[in-house]
Amino acid sequence: MTTRNILAGICNIFLAGPVNGRYLLVDTGNKGRSHLLFNKLKKWKIDPQQISHILITHAHHDHIGNLAAFREATGAIVIVHEKEAPVLRKGIITIPEGYSGIGKIVSSLGKTF
């Protein structure tokens, strides 16, 4: 089994496998960057349907932005912590509060869109 890394915005996407011909996708990156993974899959000769599970580490915008696109293309089972599940079910994109001055500004700007 191997783990492959794809930078998709400010979040890394990881693809682990194959195990019995199936793969695990960890996180989905920033919205609008699904093409990065699909291009890599094509290059690696992996059919998106081989992704059987998608693990979401947490429901921040940079980790779930392409979840709907990947879920539709793969039919994969989504795995997420029970406390994050309601956020995904409601379709809420979470942008965390910033800690530094710049982080707080970026966070507040992100919440206005």
N, C-alpha and C. Protein backbone atom coordinates (compact mmCIF):
# COMPACT_ATOMS: atom_id res chain seq x y z
N MET A 1 0.85 -1.18 0.00
CA MET A 1 0.00 0.00 0.00
C MET A 1 0.89 1.24 0.00
N THR A 2 0.46 2.25 -0.74
CA THR A 2 1.19 3.51 -0.79
C THR A 2 0.25 4.65 -0.41
N THR A 3 0.85 5.76 -0.03
CA THR A 3 0.09 6.97 0.23
C THR A 3 0.61 8.05 -0.70
N ARG A 4 -0.29 8.68 -1.40
CA ARG A 4 0.07 9.74 -2.34
C ARG A 4 -0.53 11.04 -1.86
N ASN A 5 0.21 12.12 -2.05
CA ASN A 5 -0.20 13.44 -1.59
C ASN A 5 -0.50 14.34 -2.78
N ILE A 6 -1.61 15.07 -2.70
CA ILE A 6 -1.98 16.03 -3.72
C ILE A 6 -2.27 17.35 -3.02
N LEU A 7 -1.54 18.40 -3.37
CA LEU A 7 -1.81 19.71 -2.80
C LEU A 7 -3.00 20.31 -3.53
N ALA A 8 -4.06 20.63 -2.78
CA ALA A 8 -5.28 21.18 -3.38
C ALA A 8 -5.69 22.43 -2.62
N GLY A 9 -5.01 23.52 -2.91
CA GLY A 9 -5.25 24.74 -2.16
C GLY A 9 -4.37 24.73 -0.92
N ILE A 10 -4.95 25.08 0.23
CA ILE A 10 -4.17 25.11 1.45
C ILE A 10 -4.28 23.80 2.22
N CYS A 11 -4.91 22.83 1.64
CA CYS A 11 -5.09 21.52 2.27
C CYS A 11 -4.45 20.45 1.40
N ASN A 12 -3.86 19.48 2.04
CA ASN A 12 -3.35 18.31 1.33
C ASN A 12 -4.44 17.26 1.26
N ILE A 13 -4.53 16.61 0.12
CA ILE A 13 -5.40 15.45 -0.05
C ILE A 13 -4.47 14.24 -0.07
N PHE A 14 -4.86 13.18 0.60
CA PHE A 14 -4.07 11.97 0.60
C PHE A 14 -4.89 10.83 -0.01
N LEU A 15 -4.24 10.03 -0.81
CA LEU A 15 -4.85 8.86 -1.40
C LEU A 15 -4.04 7.65 -0.93
N ALA A 16 -4.68 6.76 -0.20
CA ALA A 16 -4.01 5.58 0.33
C ALA A 16 -4.54 4.33 -0.35
N GLY A 17 -3.65 3.43 -0.68
CA GLY A 17 -4.05 2.18 -1.29
C GLY A 17 -3.09 1.78 -2.38
N PRO A 18 -3.40 0.80 -3.13
CA PRO A 18 -4.64 0.04 -3.07
C PRO A 18 -4.59 -1.09 -2.04
N VAL A 19 -5.75 -1.40 -1.53
CA VAL A 19 -5.99 -2.59 -0.73
C VAL A 19 -7.15 -3.30 -1.43
N ASN A 20 -6.87 -4.47 -1.93
CA ASN A 20 -7.86 -5.22 -2.72
C ASN A 20 -8.41 -4.36 -3.87
N GLY A 21 -7.55 -3.54 -4.47
CA GLY A 21 -7.95 -2.73 -5.61
C GLY A 21 -8.73 -1.47 -5.27
N ARG A 22 -8.90 -1.18 -3.98
CA ARG A 22 -9.70 -0.02 -3.54
C ARG A 22 -8.79 1.00 -2.85
N TYR A 23 -9.24 2.26 -2.85
CA TYR A 23 -8.46 3.35 -2.27
C TYR A 23 -9.28 4.12 -1.23
N LEU A 24 -8.54 4.75 -0.31
CA LEU A 24 -9.11 5.66 0.69
C LEU A 24 -8.63 7.05 0.37
N LEU A 25 -9.56 7.99 0.25
CA LEU A 25 -9.24 9.40 0.03
C LEU A 25 -9.39 10.12 1.36
N VAL A 26 -8.37 10.88 1.76
CA VAL A 26 -8.42 11.63 3.01
C VAL A 26 -8.51 13.11 2.67
N ASP A 27 -9.65 13.72 3.02
CA ASP A 27 -9.98 15.12 2.76
C ASP A 27 -10.13 15.38 1.26
N THR A 28 -10.69 16.55 0.94
CA THR A 28 -11.00 16.82 -0.47
C THR A 28 -10.53 18.17 -0.97
N GLY A 29 -9.87 18.95 -0.13
CA GLY A 29 -9.29 20.22 -0.57
C GLY A 29 -10.29 21.34 -0.73
N ASN A 30 -9.75 22.48 -1.16
CA ASN A 30 -10.56 23.67 -1.38
C ASN A 30 -11.51 23.50 -2.56
N LYS A 31 -12.69 24.09 -2.44
CA LYS A 31 -13.69 24.02 -3.50
C LYS A 31 -13.09 24.52 -4.82
N GLY A 32 -13.48 23.85 -5.89
CA GLY A 32 -13.02 24.25 -7.21
C GLY A 32 -11.68 23.64 -7.61
N ARG A 33 -11.16 22.75 -6.79
CA ARG A 33 -9.86 22.14 -7.10
C ARG A 33 -9.95 20.64 -7.35
N SER A 34 -11.15 20.15 -7.59
CA SER A 34 -11.32 18.71 -7.81
C SER A 34 -10.55 18.23 -9.03
N HIS A 35 -10.36 19.11 -10.01
CA HIS A 35 -9.63 18.72 -11.21
C HIS A 35 -8.21 18.26 -10.89
N LEU A 36 -7.62 18.79 -9.82
CA LEU A 36 -6.25 18.39 -9.46
C LEU A 36 -6.20 16.90 -9.13
N LEU A 37 -7.16 16.42 -8.36
CA LEU A 37 -7.19 15.00 -8.03
C LEU A 37 -7.55 14.17 -9.26
N PHE A 38 -8.56 14.59 -10.00
CA PHE A 38 -8.97 13.81 -11.16
C PHE A 38 -7.83 13.70 -12.19
N ASN A 39 -7.04 14.77 -12.35
CA ASN A 39 -5.89 14.72 -13.25
C ASN A 39 -4.84 13.74 -12.74
N LYS A 40 -4.60 13.74 -11.42
CA LYS A 40 -3.64 12.80 -10.84
C LYS A 40 -4.12 11.36 -10.99
N LEU A 41 -5.40 11.13 -10.75
CA LEU A 41 -5.94 9.78 -10.90
C LEU A 41 -5.72 9.27 -12.32
N LYS A 42 -5.98 10.14 -13.29
CA LYS A 42 -5.79 9.76 -14.70
C LYS A 42 -4.32 9.44 -14.96
N LYS A 43 -3.43 10.29 -14.45
CA LYS A 43 -2.00 10.08 -14.62
C LYS A 43 -1.57 8.75 -13.98
N TRP A 44 -2.13 8.43 -12.82
CA TRP A 44 -1.77 7.21 -12.09
C TRP A 44 -2.57 5.99 -12.57
N LYS A 45 -3.44 6.21 -13.56
CA LYS A 45 -4.28 5.13 -14.12
C LYS A 45 -5.17 4.49 -13.05
N ILE A 46 -5.77 5.36 -12.23
CA ILE A 46 -6.70 4.92 -11.19
C ILE A 46 -8.09 5.43 -11.56
N ASP A 47 -9.05 4.53 -11.64
CA ASP A 47 -10.44 4.89 -11.93
C ASP A 47 -11.04 5.49 -10.65
N PRO A 48 -11.70 6.64 -10.74
CA PRO A 48 -12.32 7.23 -9.54
C PRO A 48 -13.23 6.25 -8.80
N GLN A 49 -13.84 5.31 -9.52
CA GLN A 49 -14.71 4.32 -8.89
C GLN A 49 -13.95 3.38 -7.96
N GLN A 50 -12.62 3.38 -8.04
CA GLN A 50 -11.81 2.56 -7.15
C GLN A 50 -11.68 3.19 -5.75
N ILE A 51 -12.07 4.45 -5.62
CA ILE A 51 -12.07 5.10 -4.30
C ILE A 51 -13.33 4.65 -3.58
N SER A 52 -13.16 3.84 -2.56
CA SER A 52 -14.32 3.26 -1.88
C SER A 52 -14.74 4.05 -0.64
N HIS A 53 -13.81 4.82 -0.06
CA HIS A 53 -14.10 5.58 1.16
C HIS A 53 -13.43 6.94 1.10
N ILE A 54 -14.11 7.92 1.65
CA ILE A 54 -13.55 9.26 1.80
C ILE A 54 -13.59 9.59 3.29
N LEU A 55 -12.42 9.83 3.85
CA LEU A 55 -12.30 10.19 5.27
C LEU A 55 -12.13 11.70 5.38
N ILE A 56 -13.04 12.33 6.10
CA ILE A 56 -12.95 13.76 6.35
C ILE A 56 -12.39 13.95 7.75
N THR A 57 -11.24 14.61 7.85
CA THR A 57 -10.61 14.80 9.16
C THR A 57 -11.39 15.79 10.02
N HIS A 58 -11.90 16.85 9.38
CA HIS A 58 -12.77 17.82 10.06
C HIS A 58 -13.43 18.68 8.98
N ALA A 59 -14.52 19.31 9.34
CA ALA A 59 -15.38 19.96 8.35
C ALA A 59 -15.05 21.43 8.10
N HIS A 60 -13.78 21.76 7.99
CA HIS A 60 -13.40 23.11 7.59
C HIS A 60 -13.45 23.21 6.07
N HIS A 61 -13.65 24.42 5.58
CA HIS A 61 -13.84 24.66 4.15
C HIS A 61 -12.73 24.08 3.28
N ASP A 62 -11.50 24.10 3.76
CA ASP A 62 -10.39 23.63 2.95
C ASP A 62 -10.24 22.10 2.97
N HIS A 63 -11.06 21.42 3.74
CA HIS A 63 -11.02 19.96 3.80
C HIS A 63 -12.24 19.31 3.14
N ILE A 64 -13.34 20.06 3.00
CA ILE A 64 -14.57 19.49 2.45
C ILE A 64 -15.06 20.17 1.17
N GLY A 65 -14.28 21.09 0.64
CA GLY A 65 -14.73 21.89 -0.50
C GLY A 65 -15.15 21.10 -1.73
N ASN A 66 -14.51 19.95 -1.96
CA ASN A 66 -14.82 19.13 -3.14
C ASN A 66 -15.53 17.83 -2.78
N LEU A 67 -16.03 17.74 -1.57
CA LEU A 67 -16.64 16.49 -1.12
C LEU A 67 -17.79 16.06 -2.04
N ALA A 68 -18.67 16.96 -2.38
CA ALA A 68 -19.81 16.60 -3.22
C ALA A 68 -19.35 16.08 -4.58
N ALA A 69 -18.35 16.74 -5.18
CA ALA A 69 -17.85 16.31 -6.49
C ALA A 69 -17.21 14.93 -6.40
N PHE A 70 -16.43 14.70 -5.37
CA PHE A 70 -15.76 13.40 -5.23
C PHE A 70 -16.76 12.31 -4.88
N ARG A 71 -17.72 12.63 -4.05
CA ARG A 71 -18.74 11.65 -3.66
C ARG A 71 -19.55 11.22 -4.88
N GLU A 72 -19.90 12.20 -5.71
CA GLU A 72 -20.68 11.90 -6.91
C GLU A 72 -19.87 11.06 -7.90
N ALA A 73 -18.59 11.39 -8.08
CA ALA A 73 -17.76 10.69 -9.06
C ALA A 73 -17.36 9.29 -8.61
N THR A 74 -17.29 9.08 -7.30
CA THR A 74 -16.76 7.81 -6.80
C THR A 74 -17.83 6.89 -6.21
N GLY A 75 -18.91 7.47 -5.69
CA GLY A 75 -19.90 6.68 -4.97
C GLY A 75 -19.37 6.19 -3.63
N ALA A 76 -18.28 6.79 -3.17
CA ALA A 76 -17.60 6.35 -1.95
C ALA A 76 -18.42 6.61 -0.69
N ILE A 77 -18.15 5.81 0.31
CA ILE A 77 -18.71 5.99 1.65
C ILE A 77 -17.92 7.10 2.32
N VAL A 78 -18.61 8.06 2.92
CA VAL A 78 -17.96 9.17 3.61
C VAL A 78 -17.86 8.82 5.09
N ILE A 79 -16.66 8.97 5.62
CA ILE A 79 -16.39 8.72 7.04
C ILE A 79 -16.04 10.05 7.68
N VAL A 80 -16.75 10.38 8.76
CA VAL A 80 -16.51 11.63 9.46
C VAL A 80 -16.89 11.44 10.93
N HIS A 81 -16.27 12.19 11.81
CA HIS A 81 -16.59 12.09 13.23
C HIS A 81 -18.05 12.48 13.45
N GLU A 82 -18.69 11.83 14.41
CA GLU A 82 -20.12 12.07 14.65
C GLU A 82 -20.44 13.52 14.97
N LYS A 83 -19.50 14.25 15.55
CA LYS A 83 -19.75 15.67 15.86
C LYS A 83 -19.65 16.55 14.62
N GLU A 84 -19.00 16.08 13.59
CA GLU A 84 -18.88 16.83 12.33
C GLU A 84 -20.00 16.47 11.35
N ALA A 85 -20.63 15.32 11.53
CA ALA A 85 -21.65 14.85 10.59
C ALA A 85 -22.80 15.84 10.38
N PRO A 86 -23.35 16.46 11.44
CA PRO A 86 -24.45 17.40 11.20
C PRO A 86 -24.05 18.59 10.32
N VAL A 87 -22.80 19.01 10.43
CA VAL A 87 -22.31 20.12 9.61
C VAL A 87 -22.34 19.71 8.14
N LEU A 88 -21.88 18.49 7.86
CA LEU A 88 -21.89 18.02 6.47
C LEU A 88 -23.31 17.81 5.95
N ARG A 89 -24.18 17.26 6.79
CA ARG A 89 -25.57 17.02 6.35
C ARG A 89 -26.28 18.32 5.98
N LYS A 90 -25.98 19.38 6.73
CA LYS A 90 -26.62 20.68 6.48
C LYS A 90 -25.94 21.44 5.35
N GLY A 91 -24.78 20.96 4.90
CA GLY A 91 -24.06 21.65 3.82
C GLY A 91 -23.39 22.92 4.28
N ILE A 92 -23.05 22.98 5.55
CA ILE A 92 -22.41 24.18 6.10
C ILE A 92 -20.91 24.09 5.85
N ILE A 93 -20.33 25.15 5.34
CA ILE A 93 -18.89 25.23 5.17
C ILE A 93 -18.35 26.01 6.36
N THR A 94 -17.52 25.38 7.16
CA THR A 94 -16.98 26.00 8.36
C THR A 94 -15.67 26.71 8.06
N ILE A 95 -15.59 27.96 8.43
CA ILE A 95 -14.35 28.71 8.34
C ILE A 95 -13.94 29.03 9.77
N PRO A 96 -12.81 28.48 10.21
CA PRO A 96 -12.42 28.66 11.61
C PRO A 96 -12.06 30.10 11.93
N GLU A 97 -12.18 30.44 13.20
CA GLU A 97 -11.75 31.75 13.67
C GLU A 97 -10.23 31.84 13.54
N GLY A 98 -9.74 32.99 13.19
CA GLY A 98 -8.29 33.18 13.11
C GLY A 98 -7.71 33.42 14.50
N TYR A 99 -6.43 33.14 14.63
CA TYR A 99 -5.75 33.35 15.90
C TYR A 99 -4.91 34.62 15.90
N SER A 100 -4.28 34.91 14.78
CA SER A 100 -3.47 36.12 14.67
C SER A 100 -4.33 37.23 14.08
N GLY A 101 -3.79 38.43 14.05
CA GLY A 101 -4.52 39.55 13.46
C GLY A 101 -4.88 39.29 12.01
N ILE A 102 -3.93 38.82 11.23
CA ILE A 102 -4.18 38.51 9.81
C ILE A 102 -5.20 37.37 9.70
N GLY A 103 -5.04 36.34 10.52
CA GLY A 103 -5.96 35.20 10.49
C GLY A 103 -7.38 35.62 10.79
N LYS A 104 -7.55 36.53 11.73
CA LYS A 104 -8.90 37.01 12.08
C LYS A 104 -9.51 37.79 10.92
N ILE A 105 -8.69 38.58 10.23
CA ILE A 105 -9.19 39.34 9.07
C ILE A 105 -9.60 38.40 7.95
N VAL A 106 -8.73 37.43 7.64
CA VAL A 106 -9.04 36.48 6.57
C VAL A 106 -10.29 35.67 6.91
N SER A 107 -10.41 35.25 8.15
CA SER A 107 -11.57 34.48 8.59
C SER A 107 -12.84 35.30 8.43
N SER A 108 -12.82 36.53 8.86
CA SER A 108 -14.03 37.37 8.76
C SER A 108 -14.38 37.65 7.31
N LEU A 109 -13.38 37.83 6.45
CA LEU A 109 -13.65 38.04 5.03
C LEU A 109 -14.27 36.79 4.41
N GLY A 110 -13.74 35.62 4.78
CA GLY A 110 -14.26 34.37 4.24
C GLY A 110 -15.70 34.14 4.61
N LYS A 111 -16.12 34.63 5.75
CA LYS A 111 -17.49 34.43 6.20
C LYS A 111 -18.47 35.36 5.51
N THR A 112 -17.98 36.35 4.80
CA THR A 112 -18.88 37.29 4.13
C THR A 112 -19.31 36.80 2.75
N PHE A 113 -18.67 35.76 2.21
CA PHE A 113 -18.98 35.28 0.86
C PHE A 113 -19.98 34.18 0.89
